[in-house]
Amino acid sequence: MHATSVFVAASSLLTFALAAPIPASSLAERAFSYINYGGDGSTTKGWPSEASWKSFDALWTANEPVLKISCSQFGVANNSPQEIAAIKAAILAGAERTKISAQFILAAMMQESKGCVRAPTTNYGQENPGLMQSFNGKFSCNSAAGVINPCPAENIQGQIAEGLGETTSFGYIQAIQQAKSEGVAKYYKAARIYNSGSVATSGNLGDGIATHCYSSDIANRLKGWTTETSQCQEASIGSFQGSVGATEQGNAETEGNGTGNTETPTPTPTPTPTPAPSTGNTNGNTNTNNNGETEPTGPKAAGASSNCKSWYTVKAGDTCESTGQESALRNLNQIDANCGNLWLGYAYCIAQ
């Protein structure tokens, strides 16, 4: 989560590589091709209708392999079967109370933490704990006070409720209200608001600040995308006005561009999981100038090591992974788990 219009919150845990590969649960899942969704979140711009979303049970089944190992990325104990059951119960109960789609809550949770009940609490001005990385939340099983294992069911329920905004001043209840939209677009706009605090004045959900691919990722999750690498291009998604990509193989559904025409780009290839797959907004940027600078060319990032001897200045399109310096960036700077606070133009320590 990033912000609302009046406060800034930490980023979601998006681009952090899992410690082990996540096997695809079925041939159908592996056949899924990521679609870049651009524009205002409306079905006329090619965004998925709510009727086209997978059922909650189908999405839950697809995400279970991730839920079983998602805490590995943080170096803490993975979710137990009891904790996974508590997550499911908390989502369904939250959906019943708030009337927010259970599928959407699941997708939002997976986007923020991959469903790890011991996701770290981040703090860049306020606490962002738990499964939903909520704004100034209190429920966490991994905070400054320590790691809790097992994570109690009531804590898990609290983590979900805080992300929904039931017990906090900002969450998805408030984000949907701020979206001021009817139909499915309210969900995609709310996702962008939850991440960055607002929708850009252009109305394009890929435009503006924070994680440009956030709403597109959410839309793909609702269609069944889970473990594969995001093909969303952070640097260009804000210029898209329709959907670009291919649907699941064997699915006759096509995504239009909102102009009455159907775009037919080359389908995005299905990535093969690797020992440390990037699970967030990778953008294909491959920096070659990774040797660092003895003197930073940009302002020093807050939290960078005070004894730094080599710096890396962030360029447009960078992710932690694409810099070739991910380990150093995380060890020598206060980088959040999804690399969401890797700020353009700022210098980060890569050697001391």
Protein backbone atom coordinates (compact mmCIF):
# COMPACT_ATOMS: atom_id res chain seq x y z
CA MET A 1 0.00 0.00 0.00
CA HIS A 2 1.23 3.50 -0.73
CA ALA A 3 -1.07 6.31 0.32
CA THR A 4 -4.21 8.30 0.52
CA SER A 5 -4.31 11.90 -0.63
CA VAL A 6 -3.43 13.15 2.86
CA PHE A 7 -0.95 10.57 4.11
CA VAL A 8 1.77 8.42 2.67
CA ALA A 9 2.01 4.74 3.46
CA ALA A 10 4.54 2.08 2.61
CA SER A 11 4.42 0.17 -0.63
CA SER A 12 2.99 -3.29 -1.05
CA LEU A 13 5.24 -6.35 -0.99
CA LEU A 14 5.25 -6.83 -4.74
CA THR A 15 8.61 -7.31 -6.39
CA PHE A 16 10.24 -9.47 -3.75
CA ALA A 17 11.52 -12.76 -5.14
CA LEU A 18 10.26 -15.90 -3.48
CA ALA A 19 12.96 -18.13 -2.06
CA ALA A 20 11.81 -21.18 -4.00
CA PRO A 21 9.95 -21.76 -7.25
CA ILE A 22 6.18 -22.00 -7.06
CA PRO A 23 4.97 -24.88 -9.20
CA ALA A 24 1.99 -24.22 -11.43
CA SER A 25 -0.97 -26.11 -10.06
CA SER A 26 -2.30 -27.15 -13.45
CA LEU A 27 -1.74 -26.92 -17.17
CA ALA A 28 -4.51 -24.33 -17.36
CA GLU A 29 -2.71 -22.10 -14.87
CA ARG A 30 0.58 -22.36 -16.78
CA ALA A 31 -1.26 -21.40 -19.97
CA PHE A 32 -2.28 -18.04 -18.52
CA SER A 33 -0.84 -15.07 -20.37
CA TYR A 34 -0.65 -11.72 -18.64
CA ILE A 35 -2.70 -8.90 -20.18
CA ASN A 36 -1.65 -5.27 -19.82
CA TYR A 37 -4.76 -3.30 -18.88
CA GLY A 38 -4.62 0.42 -19.56
CA GLY A 39 -7.14 3.21 -19.33
CA ASP A 40 -9.79 4.01 -16.77
CA GLY A 41 -10.77 0.56 -15.52
CA SER A 42 -13.96 0.36 -17.56
CA THR A 43 -15.03 -2.63 -19.61
CA THR A 44 -15.22 -0.33 -22.64
CA LYS A 45 -11.45 0.00 -22.30
CA GLY A 46 -11.09 -3.76 -22.19
CA TRP A 47 -10.90 -4.31 -18.43
CA PRO A 48 -12.45 -7.59 -17.22
CA SER A 49 -16.08 -7.52 -16.23
CA GLU A 50 -16.93 -8.88 -12.81
CA ALA A 51 -18.80 -11.71 -14.52
CA SER A 52 -15.55 -12.75 -16.23
CA TRP A 53 -13.61 -13.05 -12.98
CA LYS A 54 -12.82 -16.54 -11.78
CA SER A 55 -14.96 -17.76 -8.91
CA PHE A 56 -13.61 -17.36 -5.41
CA ASP A 57 -13.13 -21.11 -5.08
CA ALA A 58 -11.20 -21.25 -8.37
CA LEU A 59 -8.99 -18.32 -7.38
CA TRP A 60 -8.41 -19.77 -3.93
CA THR A 61 -7.35 -23.12 -5.40
CA ALA A 62 -5.04 -21.39 -7.87
CA ASN A 63 -3.38 -19.38 -5.10
CA GLU A 64 -3.01 -22.16 -2.54
CA PRO A 65 0.46 -23.21 -3.79
CA VAL A 66 1.62 -19.62 -3.27
CA LEU A 67 0.03 -19.38 0.17
CA LYS A 68 1.91 -22.48 1.30
CA ILE A 69 5.36 -20.97 0.66
CA SER A 70 4.79 -17.21 0.57
CA CYS A 71 6.51 -16.49 3.88
CA SER A 72 9.80 -17.88 2.56
CA GLN A 73 10.37 -14.53 0.87
CA PHE A 74 10.62 -12.91 4.31
CA GLY A 75 12.75 -15.56 5.98
CA VAL A 76 10.03 -16.61 8.43
CA ALA A 77 7.96 -19.74 8.91
CA ASN A 78 5.52 -20.46 6.12
CA ASN A 79 1.77 -20.47 6.68
CA SER A 80 0.44 -23.56 8.40
CA PRO A 81 -2.72 -25.29 7.13
CA GLN A 82 -4.58 -23.78 10.09
CA GLU A 83 -3.35 -20.28 9.24
CA ILE A 84 -4.32 -20.72 5.58
CA ALA A 85 -7.79 -21.81 6.67
CA ALA A 86 -8.01 -18.73 8.90
CA ILE A 87 -7.07 -16.48 5.97
CA LYS A 88 -9.87 -17.95 3.88
CA ALA A 89 -12.39 -17.57 6.69
CA ALA A 90 -11.31 -13.97 7.31
CA ILE A 91 -11.69 -13.04 3.64
CA LEU A 92 -15.14 -14.58 3.35
CA ALA A 93 -16.29 -12.98 6.60
CA GLY A 94 -14.91 -9.60 5.52
CA ALA A 95 -16.67 -9.87 2.19
CA GLU A 96 -19.94 -10.63 3.94
CA ARG A 97 -19.60 -7.68 6.30
CA THR A 98 -18.46 -5.09 3.76
CA LYS A 99 -20.14 -6.41 0.59
CA ILE A 100 -16.76 -6.12 -1.15
CA SER A 101 -16.17 -9.03 -3.51
CA ALA A 102 -14.35 -11.93 -1.87
CA GLN A 103 -12.41 -12.46 -5.11
CA PHE A 104 -11.24 -8.86 -5.01
CA ILE A 105 -10.17 -9.10 -1.36
CA LEU A 106 -8.16 -12.21 -2.17
CA ALA A 107 -6.51 -10.53 -5.17
CA ALA A 108 -5.70 -7.43 -3.13
CA MET A 109 -4.16 -9.51 -0.36
CA MET A 110 -2.02 -11.50 -2.79
CA GLN A 111 -0.88 -8.28 -4.41
CA GLU A 112 0.20 -6.83 -1.07
CA SER A 113 1.83 -9.77 0.72
CA LYS A 114 1.36 -12.96 -1.30
CA GLY A 115 -0.81 -14.03 1.62
CA CYS A 116 1.91 -14.43 4.25
CA VAL A 117 0.44 -14.05 7.75
CA ARG A 118 3.92 -13.06 8.96
CA ALA A 119 4.48 -10.37 6.34
CA PRO A 120 6.77 -7.71 7.85
CA THR A 121 5.37 -4.47 9.18
CA THR A 122 6.81 -1.64 7.11
CA ASN A 123 7.09 1.92 8.37
CA TYR A 124 7.84 4.94 6.21
CA GLY A 125 5.99 7.47 8.34
CA GLN A 126 3.25 5.16 9.60
CA GLU A 127 2.77 1.49 10.31
CA ASN A 128 1.74 -0.75 7.41
CA PRO A 129 1.28 -4.24 8.85
CA GLY A 130 -0.13 -7.55 7.88
CA LEU A 131 -1.63 -9.36 4.97
CA MET A 132 -3.01 -6.15 3.46
CA GLN A 133 -0.16 -3.82 4.53
CA SER A 134 -2.89 -1.66 6.02
CA PHE A 135 -2.68 2.02 6.89
CA ASN A 136 -1.66 2.52 10.53
CA GLY A 137 -2.91 -0.94 11.40
CA LYS A 138 -2.31 -2.72 14.68
CA PHE A 139 -2.65 -6.37 13.75
CA SER A 140 0.59 -8.07 12.74
CA CYS A 141 2.45 -11.30 13.32
CA ASN A 142 5.77 -9.74 12.29
CA SER A 143 6.45 -6.36 13.85
CA ALA A 144 9.13 -4.65 15.92
CA ALA A 145 7.85 -6.69 18.84
CA GLY A 146 8.86 -9.88 17.05
CA VAL A 147 7.51 -12.70 14.92
CA ILE A 148 4.46 -14.60 16.14
CA ASN A 149 4.14 -18.27 15.24
CA PRO A 150 1.50 -19.52 15.05
CA CYS A 151 -0.38 -16.39 14.05
CA PRO A 152 -3.71 -16.43 15.95
CA ALA A 153 -6.90 -16.56 13.92
CA GLU A 154 -8.15 -13.35 15.54
CA ASN A 155 -4.95 -11.59 14.45
CA ILE A 156 -5.44 -12.80 10.88
CA GLN A 157 -9.04 -11.59 10.99
CA GLY A 158 -7.79 -8.22 12.22
CA GLN A 159 -5.23 -7.96 9.43
CA ILE A 160 -7.94 -8.41 6.80
CA ALA A 161 -10.42 -6.09 8.54
CA GLU A 162 -7.83 -3.32 8.78
CA GLY A 163 -7.02 -3.59 5.08
CA LEU A 164 -10.71 -3.31 4.29
CA GLY A 165 -10.92 -0.14 6.37
CA GLU A 166 -13.34 -1.53 8.93
CA THR A 167 -11.17 -0.62 11.90
CA THR A 168 -8.76 1.89 10.33
CA SER A 169 -9.25 5.35 8.88
CA PHE A 170 -8.42 4.19 5.37
CA GLY A 171 -8.85 0.91 3.53
CA TYR A 172 -10.81 -0.54 0.66
CA ILE A 173 -14.17 0.67 1.95
CA GLN A 174 -12.92 4.24 1.75
CA ALA A 175 -11.02 3.67 -1.51
CA ILE A 176 -14.16 2.38 -3.22
CA GLN A 177 -16.08 5.40 -1.95
CA GLN A 178 -13.37 7.70 -3.31
CA ALA A 179 -13.47 5.91 -6.68
CA LYS A 180 -16.96 7.34 -7.29
CA SER A 181 -17.70 4.76 -9.93
CA GLU A 182 -20.37 2.20 -10.52
CA GLY A 183 -19.79 -1.30 -11.79
CA VAL A 184 -16.50 -3.12 -11.91
CA ALA A 185 -14.43 0.03 -12.53
CA LYS A 186 -14.85 0.95 -8.87
CA TYR A 187 -12.65 -1.99 -7.92
CA TYR A 188 -9.83 -1.20 -10.31
CA LYS A 189 -9.88 2.48 -9.35
CA ALA A 190 -10.00 1.59 -5.66
CA ALA A 191 -6.92 -0.59 -6.10
CA ARG A 192 -5.01 2.35 -7.55
CA ILE A 193 -6.22 4.63 -4.76
CA TYR A 194 -5.19 2.06 -2.14
CA ASN A 195 -1.74 1.90 -3.68
CA SER A 196 -1.03 5.56 -4.44
CA GLY A 197 -3.72 7.65 -2.78
CA SER A 198 -5.47 8.82 -5.91
CA VAL A 199 -6.12 8.23 -9.58
CA ALA A 200 -4.05 10.42 -11.88
CA THR A 201 -5.82 13.43 -13.39
CA SER A 202 -5.62 11.68 -16.76
CA GLY A 203 -7.91 8.98 -15.40
CA ASN A 204 -5.50 6.31 -16.60
CA LEU A 205 -4.90 3.79 -13.84
CA GLY A 206 -1.37 3.19 -15.09
CA ASP A 207 -0.50 6.88 -14.87
CA GLY A 208 0.56 8.90 -11.83
CA ILE A 209 2.76 7.84 -8.93
CA ALA A 210 3.67 4.68 -7.01
CA THR A 211 3.17 1.28 -8.67
CA HIS A 212 1.86 1.94 -12.16
CA CYS A 213 1.04 -1.71 -12.81
CA TYR A 214 -0.92 -2.16 -9.58
CA SER A 215 -4.46 -2.15 -11.01
CA SER A 216 -3.43 -4.16 -14.06
CA ASP A 217 -1.91 -6.77 -11.76
CA ILE A 218 -5.11 -6.90 -9.71
CA ALA A 219 -7.21 -7.38 -12.85
CA ASN A 220 -4.98 -10.25 -13.96
CA ARG A 221 -5.19 -11.86 -10.53
CA LEU A 222 -8.97 -11.79 -10.80
CA LYS A 223 -8.67 -13.68 -14.08
CA GLY A 224 -6.43 -16.34 -12.57
CA TRP A 225 -2.86 -15.03 -12.77
CA THR A 226 -0.94 -16.11 -9.69
CA THR A 227 2.68 -17.16 -9.74
CA GLU A 228 4.05 -16.15 -13.11
CA THR A 229 6.17 -13.05 -13.67
CA SER A 230 4.20 -9.91 -14.43
CA GLN A 231 4.68 -8.75 -17.99
CA CYS A 232 3.43 -5.29 -17.12
CA GLN A 233 5.75 -2.47 -18.20
CA GLU A 234 5.93 0.13 -15.44
CA ALA A 235 7.41 2.72 -17.79
CA SER A 236 4.72 2.42 -20.47
CA ILE A 237 1.49 1.11 -18.93
CA GLY A 238 0.35 4.69 -18.33
CA SER A 239 0.21 5.29 -22.08
CA PHE A 240 -2.08 2.33 -22.80
CA GLN A 241 -5.75 3.05 -23.43
CA GLY A 242 -6.90 -0.52 -23.76
CA SER A 243 -5.83 -4.09 -23.09
CA VAL A 244 -2.73 -5.54 -24.67
CA GLY A 245 -1.91 -9.24 -24.46
CA ALA A 246 -3.56 -12.60 -24.80
CA THR A 247 -6.13 -14.41 -22.71
CA GLU A 248 -5.77 -17.89 -21.32
CA GLN A 249 -5.13 -20.48 -23.99
CA GLY A 250 -8.28 -22.24 -24.99
CA ASN A 251 -10.42 -19.29 -23.87
CA ALA A 252 -12.33 -17.76 -26.75
CA GLU A 253 -12.78 -14.48 -24.91
CA THR A 254 -10.91 -11.53 -26.43
CA GLU A 255 -10.11 -8.24 -24.82
CA GLY A 256 -10.94 -5.15 -26.82
CA ASN A 257 -9.25 -1.78 -26.88
CA GLY A 258 -12.35 0.24 -26.16
CA THR A 259 -12.57 1.64 -29.69
CA GLY A 260 -14.54 -1.10 -31.37
CA ASN A 261 -11.38 -2.73 -32.68
CA THR A 262 -9.57 -5.72 -31.29
CA GLU A 263 -5.84 -5.40 -30.83
CA THR A 264 -3.88 -8.46 -31.87
CA PRO A 265 -0.39 -8.10 -30.46
CA THR A 266 1.94 -11.06 -30.14
CA PRO A 267 0.83 -13.06 -27.10
CA THR A 268 3.08 -12.71 -24.09
CA PRO A 269 5.03 -15.94 -23.58
CA THR A 270 4.39 -17.85 -20.39
CA PRO A 271 7.47 -17.52 -18.18
CA THR A 272 9.06 -20.58 -16.61
CA PRO A 273 9.50 -20.41 -12.83
CA THR A 274 13.12 -20.12 -11.71
CA PRO A 275 14.67 -20.65 -8.26
CA ALA A 276 13.98 -17.01 -7.39
CA PRO A 277 11.18 -15.75 -9.63
CA SER A 278 10.32 -12.09 -9.46
CA THR A 279 6.64 -11.92 -8.53
CA GLY A 280 5.80 -8.30 -8.97
CA ASN A 281 6.14 -5.50 -11.45
CA THR A 282 9.22 -6.48 -13.44
CA ASN A 283 9.60 -4.33 -16.50
CA GLY A 284 12.34 -5.87 -18.55
CA ASN A 285 14.76 -3.04 -17.81
CA THR A 286 18.32 -4.33 -17.99
CA ASN A 287 20.77 -1.79 -16.69
CA THR A 288 24.35 -2.36 -17.74
CA ASN A 289 25.88 0.48 -15.74
CA ASN A 290 25.78 -1.29 -12.40
CA ASN A 291 29.29 -0.59 -11.13
CA GLY A 292 28.15 2.26 -8.91
CA GLU A 293 29.34 5.80 -8.25
CA THR A 294 31.77 6.97 -5.59
CA GLU A 295 29.74 10.16 -5.27
CA PRO A 296 25.96 10.01 -5.74
CA THR A 297 24.56 11.97 -8.67
CA GLY A 298 21.18 12.29 -6.97
CA PRO A 299 19.96 12.93 -3.43
CA LYS A 300 20.77 10.14 -0.99
CA ALA A 301 17.81 7.93 -0.18
CA ALA A 302 16.59 8.03 3.41
CA GLY A 303 17.92 5.07 5.35
CA ALA A 304 20.95 4.44 3.14
CA SER A 305 24.08 3.23 4.93
CA SER A 306 26.09 6.07 6.44
CA ASN A 307 29.41 4.38 5.56
CA CYS A 308 28.70 3.98 1.87
CA LYS A 309 31.54 3.90 -0.66
CA SER A 310 29.52 3.17 -3.81
CA TRP A 311 26.13 4.43 -4.90
CA TYR A 312 23.50 3.55 -7.48
CA THR A 313 21.19 6.28 -8.78
CA VAL A 314 17.77 4.99 -9.82
CA LYS A 315 16.80 5.36 -13.48
CA ALA A 316 13.36 5.28 -15.08
CA GLY A 317 11.98 1.76 -15.16
CA ASP A 318 14.35 0.34 -12.54
CA THR A 319 13.33 -2.43 -10.18
CA CYS A 320 15.56 -3.88 -7.49
CA GLU A 321 16.11 -6.95 -9.66
CA SER A 322 16.86 -5.11 -12.89
CA THR A 323 19.65 -3.04 -11.35
CA GLY A 324 21.75 -6.15 -10.82
CA GLN A 325 22.35 -4.92 -7.26
CA GLU A 326 19.30 -6.30 -5.47
CA SER A 327 21.15 -7.92 -2.58
CA ALA A 328 23.20 -4.80 -1.85
CA LEU A 329 20.17 -2.53 -2.20
CA ARG A 330 18.26 -4.53 0.38
CA ASN A 331 21.17 -5.00 2.80
CA LEU A 332 22.47 -1.43 2.78
CA ASN A 333 19.25 0.59 2.48
CA GLN A 334 15.79 0.62 4.00
CA ILE A 335 14.13 -0.97 0.98
CA ASP A 336 10.67 -2.35 1.59
CA ALA A 337 9.88 -5.91 0.63
CA ASN A 338 8.33 -5.11 -2.76
CA CYS A 339 10.98 -2.55 -3.71
CA GLY A 340 8.18 0.01 -3.85
CA ASN A 341 10.33 2.76 -2.33
CA LEU A 342 13.08 2.66 -4.96
CA TRP A 343 12.62 6.29 -5.93
CA LEU A 344 13.53 7.67 -9.35
CA GLY A 345 16.61 9.91 -9.24
CA TYR A 346 17.63 8.98 -5.69
CA ALA A 347 20.96 7.37 -4.84
CA TYR A 348 21.11 4.09 -2.91
CA CYS A 349 24.14 2.51 -1.29
CA ILE A 350 25.51 -0.63 -2.97
CA ALA A 351 28.89 -1.02 -1.24
CA GLN A 352 30.58 0.05 1.99
